[in-house]
């Protein structure tokens, strides 16, 4: 059975890498770096954007 879902476009802000780990510069007592996860604000961490909504103009407007 063929798949009927179309692929969604990749986010142009993060290029498909929606979540990154940023080091805070500090280390724990055992030497590991503390990191903070940051999500792309445009796609909210999904890596994809929604297709553009269709706009319609009424005839005679």
PDB file of N, CA and C in Angstrom:
ATOM      1  N   UNK A   1       0.852  -1.170   0.000  1.00  0.00           N
ATOM      2  CA  UNK A   1       0.000   0.000   0.000  1.00  0.00           C
ATOM      3  C   UNK A   1       0.899   1.236   0.000  1.00  0.00           C
ATOM      4  N   UNK A   2       0.699   2.165  -0.905  1.00  0.00           N
ATOM      5  CA  UNK A   2       1.542   3.353  -0.957  1.00  0.00           C
ATOM      6  C   UNK A   2       1.263   4.307   0.205  1.00  0.00           C
ATOM      7  N   UNK A   3       2.287   5.016   0.566  1.00  0.00           N
ATOM      8  CA  UNK A   3       2.150   5.995   1.644  1.00  0.00           C
ATOM      9  C   UNK A   3       1.560   7.275   1.076  1.00  0.00           C
ATOM     10  N   UNK A   4       0.579   7.842   1.771  1.00  0.00           N
ATOM     11  CA  UNK A   4      -0.123   9.002   1.234  1.00  0.00           C
ATOM     12  C   UNK A   4       0.291  10.317   1.879  1.00  0.00           C
ATOM     13  N   UNK A   5       1.172  10.299   2.884  1.00  0.00           N
ATOM     14  CA  UNK A   5       1.573  11.543   3.526  1.00  0.00           C
ATOM     15  C   UNK A   5       2.740  12.156   2.775  1.00  0.00           C
ATOM     16  N   UNK A   6       2.691  13.449   2.576  1.00  0.00           N
ATOM     17  CA  UNK A   6       3.761  14.163   1.891  1.00  0.00           C
ATOM     18  C   UNK A   6       4.818  14.596   2.903  1.00  0.00           C
ATOM     19  N   UNK A   7       6.090  14.634   2.506  1.00  0.00           N
ATOM     20  CA  UNK A   7       7.123  15.099   3.434  1.00  0.00           C
ATOM     21  C   UNK A   7       6.946  16.585   3.726  1.00  0.00           C
ATOM     22  N   UNK A   8       7.178  16.946   4.979  1.00  0.00           N
ATOM     23  CA  UNK A   8       7.071  18.351   5.366  1.00  0.00           C
ATOM     24  C   UNK A   8       8.389  19.055   5.093  1.00  0.00           C
ATOM     25  N   UNK A   9       8.364  20.333   4.752  1.00  0.00           N
ATOM     26  CA  UNK A   9       9.603  21.050   4.477  1.00  0.00           C
ATOM     27  C   UNK A   9      10.452  21.218   5.736  1.00  0.00           C
ATOM     28  N   UNK A  10      11.765  21.200   5.539  1.00  0.00           N
ATOM     29  CA  UNK A  10      12.709  21.369   6.640  1.00  0.00           C
ATOM     30  C   UNK A  10      12.707  22.832   7.065  1.00  0.00           C
ATOM     31  N   UNK A  11      12.846  23.070   8.353  1.00  0.00           N
ATOM     32  CA  UNK A  11      12.861  24.426   8.910  1.00  0.00           C
ATOM     33  C   UNK A  11      14.044  25.205   8.334  1.00  0.00           C
ATOM     34  N   UNK A  12      13.797  26.395   7.851  1.00  0.00           N
ATOM     35  CA  UNK A  12      14.851  27.225   7.282  1.00  0.00           C
ATOM     36  C   UNK A  12      15.715  27.916   8.318  1.00  0.00           C
ATOM     37  N   UNK A  13      15.257  27.958   9.565  1.00  0.00           N
ATOM     38  CA  UNK A  13      16.025  28.619  10.614  1.00  0.00           C
ATOM     39  C   UNK A  13      17.103  27.705  11.184  1.00  0.00           C
ATOM     40  N   UNK A  14      16.785  26.417  11.345  1.00  0.00           N
ATOM     41  CA  UNK A  14      17.744  25.490  11.966  1.00  0.00           C
ATOM     42  C   UNK A  14      18.259  24.440  10.987  1.00  0.00           C
ATOM     43  N   UNK A  15      17.771  24.430   9.755  1.00  0.00           N
ATOM     44  CA  UNK A  15      18.173  23.479   8.714  1.00  0.00           C
ATOM     45  C   UNK A  15      18.015  22.025   9.144  1.00  0.00           C
ATOM     46  N   UNK A  16      17.010  21.742   9.948  1.00  0.00           N
ATOM     47  CA  UNK A  16      16.717  20.374  10.335  1.00  0.00           C
ATOM     48  C   UNK A  16      17.452  19.905  11.577  1.00  0.00           C
ATOM     49  N   UNK A  17      18.216  20.776  12.241  1.00  0.00           N
ATOM     50  CA  UNK A  17      18.880  20.442  13.499  1.00  0.00           C
ATOM     51  C   UNK A  17      18.196  21.257  14.602  1.00  0.00           C
ATOM     52  N   UNK A  18      17.043  20.796  15.086  1.00  0.00           N
ATOM     53  CA  UNK A  18      16.193  21.635  15.920  1.00  0.00           C
ATOM     54  C   UNK A  18      16.635  21.794  17.368  1.00  0.00           C
ATOM     55  N   UNK A  19      17.423  20.875  17.888  1.00  0.00           N
ATOM     56  CA  UNK A  19      17.826  20.948  19.289  1.00  0.00           C
ATOM     57  C   UNK A  19      19.341  20.890  19.381  1.00  0.00           C
ATOM     58  N   UNK A  20      19.923  21.796  20.146  1.00  0.00           N
ATOM     59  CA  UNK A  20      21.367  21.816  20.338  1.00  0.00           C
ATOM     60  C   UNK A  20      21.662  21.808  21.832  1.00  0.00           C
ATOM     61  N   UNK A  21      22.841  21.315  22.189  1.00  0.00           N
ATOM     62  CA  UNK A  21      23.301  21.339  23.577  1.00  0.00           C
ATOM     63  C   UNK A  21      24.367  22.416  23.695  1.00  0.00           C
ATOM     64  N   UNK A  22      24.143  23.365  24.575  1.00  0.00           N
ATOM     65  CA  UNK A  22      25.049  24.490  24.774  1.00  0.00           C
ATOM     66  C   UNK A  22      25.732  24.311  26.117  1.00  0.00           C
ATOM     67  N   UNK A  23      27.065  24.410  26.135  1.00  0.00           N
ATOM     68  CA  UNK A  23      27.768  24.285  27.418  1.00  0.00           C
ATOM     69  C   UNK A  23      27.674  25.603  28.165  1.00  0.00           C
ATOM     70  N   UNK A  24      27.562  25.485  29.496  1.00  0.00           N
ATOM     71  CA  UNK A  24      27.461  26.675  30.328  1.00  0.00           C
ATOM     72  C   UNK A  24      28.822  27.189  30.758  1.00  0.00           C
ATOM     73  N   UNK A  25      29.877  26.392  30.523  1.00  0.00           N
ATOM     74  CA  UNK A  25      31.221  26.809  30.909  1.00  0.00           C
ATOM     75  C   UNK A  25      31.639  26.288  32.272  1.00  0.00           C
ATOM     76  N   UNK A  26      30.715  25.721  33.014  1.00  0.00           N
ATOM     77  CA  UNK A  26      31.063  25.185  34.330  1.00  0.00           C
ATOM     78  C   UNK A  26      31.192  23.671  34.252  1.00  0.00           C
ATOM     79  N   UNK A  27      31.887  23.116  35.217  1.00  0.00           N
ATOM     80  CA  UNK A  27      32.067  21.669  35.284  1.00  0.00           C
ATOM     81  C   UNK A  27      31.540  21.154  36.620  1.00  0.00           C
ATOM     82  N   UNK A  28      31.091  19.898  36.592  1.00  0.00           N
ATOM     83  CA  UNK A  28      30.641  19.272  37.833  1.00  0.00           C
ATOM     84  C   UNK A  28      31.866  18.790  38.603  1.00  0.00           C
ATOM     85  N   UNK A  29      31.647  18.246  39.782  1.00  0.00           N
ATOM     86  CA  UNK A  29      32.758  17.799  40.613  1.00  0.00           C
ATOM     87  C   UNK A  29      33.531  16.643  39.976  1.00  0.00           C
ATOM     88  N   UNK A  30      32.872  15.829  39.161  1.00  0.00           N
ATOM     89  CA  UNK A  30      33.573  14.722  38.516  1.00  0.00           C
ATOM     90  C   UNK A  30      34.147  15.098  37.156  1.00  0.00           C
ATOM     91  N   UNK A  31      34.058  16.365  36.734  1.00  0.00           N
ATOM     92  CA  UNK A  31      34.704  16.838  35.516  1.00  0.00           C
ATOM     93  C   UNK A  31      33.816  16.956  34.297  1.00  0.00           C
ATOM     94  N   UNK A  32      32.566  16.562  34.387  1.00  0.00           N
ATOM     95  CA  UNK A  32      31.669  16.682  33.244  1.00  0.00           C
ATOM     96  C   UNK A  32      31.204  18.129  33.084  1.00  0.00           C
ATOM     97  N   UNK A  33      30.994  18.525  31.829  1.00  0.00           N
ATOM     98  CA  UNK A  33      30.501  19.879  31.561  1.00  0.00           C
ATOM     99  C   UNK A  33      28.989  19.926  31.733  1.00  0.00           C
ATOM    100  N   UNK A  34      28.516  21.044  32.270  1.00  0.00           N
ATOM    101  CA  UNK A  34      27.076  21.269  32.378  1.00  0.00           C
ATOM    102  C   UNK A  34      26.582  21.787  31.036  1.00  0.00           C
ATOM    103  N   UNK A  35      25.499  21.220  30.542  1.00  0.00           N
ATOM    104  CA  UNK A  35      24.928  21.648  29.267  1.00  0.00           C
ATOM    105  C   UNK A  35      23.456  22.008  29.433  1.00  0.00           C
ATOM    106  N   UNK A  36      22.982  22.840  28.526  1.00  0.00           N
ATOM    107  CA  UNK A  36      21.585  23.243  28.481  1.00  0.00           C
ATOM    108  C   UNK A  36      21.080  22.950  27.072  1.00  0.00           C
ATOM    109  N   UNK A  37      19.941  22.294  26.957  1.00  0.00           N
ATOM    110  CA  UNK A  37      19.349  22.028  25.644  1.00  0.00           C
ATOM    111  C   UNK A  37      18.535  23.233  25.201  1.00  0.00           C
ATOM    112  N   UNK A  38      18.711  23.617  23.932  1.00  0.00           N
ATOM    113  CA  UNK A  38      17.974  24.750  23.372  1.00  0.00           C
ATOM    114  C   UNK A  38      17.262  24.302  22.108  1.00  0.00           C
ATOM    115  N   UNK A  39      15.967  24.595  22.017  1.00  0.00           N
ATOM    116  CA  UNK A  39      15.161  24.259  20.841  1.00  0.00           C
ATOM    117  C   UNK A  39      15.076  25.465  19.912  1.00  0.00           C
ATOM    118  N   UNK A  40      14.919  25.185  18.630  1.00  0.00           N
ATOM    119  CA  UNK A  40      14.735  26.236  17.632  1.00  0.00           C
ATOM    120  C   UNK A  40      13.420  26.956  17.927  1.00  0.00           C
ATOM    121  N   UNK A  41      13.439  28.291  18.022  1.00  0.00           N
ATOM    122  CA  UNK A  41      12.192  29.011  18.322  1.00  0.00           C
ATOM    123  C   UNK A  41      11.205  29.027  17.160  1.00  0.00           C
ATOM    124  N   UNK A  42      11.684  28.805  15.944  1.00  0.00           N
ATOM    125  CA  UNK A  42      10.781  28.862  14.786  1.00  0.00           C
ATOM    126  C   UNK A  42       9.955  27.587  14.658  1.00  0.00           C
ATOM    127  N   UNK A  43      10.593  26.416  14.848  1.00  0.00           N
ATOM    128  CA  UNK A  43       9.872  25.150  14.659  1.00  0.00           C
ATOM    129  C   UNK A  43       9.577  24.446  15.977  1.00  0.00           C
ATOM    130  N   UNK A  44       9.982  25.040  17.091  1.00  0.00           N
ATOM    131  CA  UNK A  44       9.728  24.499  18.432  1.00  0.00           C
ATOM    132  C   UNK A  44      10.328  23.112  18.616  1.00  0.00           C
ATOM    133  N   UNK A  45      11.488  22.879  18.005  1.00  0.00           N
ATOM    134  CA  UNK A  45      12.200  21.625  18.207  1.00  0.00           C
ATOM    135  C   UNK A  45      11.750  20.466  17.353  1.00  0.00           C
ATOM    136  N   UNK A  46      10.958  20.710  16.319  1.00  0.00           N
ATOM    137  CA  UNK A  46      10.509  19.609  15.466  1.00  0.00           C
ATOM    138  C   UNK A  46      11.405  19.421  14.253  1.00  0.00           C
ATOM    139  N   UNK A  47      12.061  20.489  13.785  1.00  0.00           N
ATOM    140  CA  UNK A  47      12.908  20.406  12.604  1.00  0.00           C
ATOM    141  C   UNK A  47      12.168  20.617  11.299  1.00  0.00           C
ATOM    142  N   UNK A  48      10.859  20.773  11.381  1.00  0.00           N
ATOM    143  CA  UNK A  48      10.045  20.951  10.181  1.00  0.00           C
ATOM    144  C   UNK A  48       9.158  22.171  10.333  1.00  0.00           C
ATOM    145  N   UNK A  49       8.775  22.727   9.217  1.00  0.00           N
ATOM    146  CA  UNK A  49       7.832  23.837   9.231  1.00  0.00           C
ATOM    147  C   UNK A  49       6.511  23.368   8.659  1.00  0.00           C
ATOM    148  N   UNK A  50       5.481  24.065   8.976  1.00  0.00           N
ATOM    149  CA  UNK A  50       4.169  23.757   8.420  1.00  0.00           C
ATOM    150  C   UNK A  50       4.100  24.300   7.007  1.00  0.00           C
ATOM    151  N   UNK A  51       3.417  23.624   6.122  1.00  0.00           N
ATOM    152  CA  UNK A  51       3.263  24.170   4.779  1.00  0.00           C
ATOM    153  C   UNK A  51       2.528  25.508   4.825  1.00  0.00           C
ATOM    154  N   UNK A  52       2.835  26.364   3.881  1.00  0.00           N
ATOM    155  CA  UNK A  52       2.197  27.677   3.842  1.00  0.00           C
ATOM    156  C   UNK A  52       0.695  27.507   3.647  1.00  0.00           C
ATOM    157  N   UNK A  53      -0.049  28.284   4.397  1.00  0.00           N
ATOM    158  CA  UNK A  53      -1.509  28.212   4.302  1.00  0.00           C
ATOM    159  C   UNK A  53      -1.961  28.845   2.997  1.00  0.00           C
ATOM    160  N   UNK A  54      -2.951  28.244   2.399  1.00  0.00           N
ATOM    161  CA  UNK A  54      -3.502  28.810   1.167  1.00  0.00           C
ATOM    162  C   UNK A  54      -4.375  30.001   1.507  1.00  0.00           C
ATOM    163  N   UNK A  55      -4.219  31.021   0.736  1.00  0.00           N
ATOM    164  CA  UNK A  55      -5.063  32.206   0.920  1.00  0.00           C
ATOM    165  C   UNK A  55      -6.047  32.275  -0.233  1.00  0.00           C
ATOM    166  N   UNK A  56      -7.254  32.631   0.071  1.00  0.00           N
ATOM    167  CA  UNK A  56      -8.279  32.764  -0.958  1.00  0.00           C
ATOM    168  C   UNK A  56      -8.812  34.178  -0.950  1.00  0.00           C
ATOM    169  N   UNK A  57      -9.088  34.659  -2.125  1.00  0.00           N
ATOM    170  CA  UNK A  57      -9.669  35.983  -2.268  1.00  0.00           C
ATOM    171  C   UNK A  57     -11.048  35.825  -2.885  1.00  0.00           C
ATOM    172  N   UNK A  58     -12.088  36.332  -2.222  1.00  0.00           N
ATOM    173  CA  UNK A  58     -13.412  36.226  -2.795  1.00  0.00           C
ATOM    174  C   UNK A  58     -13.516  36.997  -4.116  1.00  0.00           C
ATOM    175  N   UNK A  59     -14.225  36.447  -5.039  1.00  0.00           N
ATOM    176  CA  UNK A  59     -14.388  37.115  -6.336  1.00  0.00           C
ATOM    177  C   UNK A  59     -15.286  38.327  -6.151  1.00  0.00           C
ATOM    178  N   UNK A  60     -14.854  39.437  -6.694  1.00  0.00           N
ATOM    179  CA  UNK A  60     -15.622  40.666  -6.607  1.00  0.00           C
ATOM    180  C   UNK A  60     -15.306  41.497  -5.384  1.00  0.00           C
ATOM    181  N   UNK A  61     -14.278  41.113  -4.656  1.00  0.00           N
ATOM    182  CA  UNK A  61     -13.923  41.887  -3.447  1.00  0.00           C
ATOM    183  C   UNK A  61     -12.921  42.954  -3.735  1.00  0.00           C
TER     184      UNK A  61
END
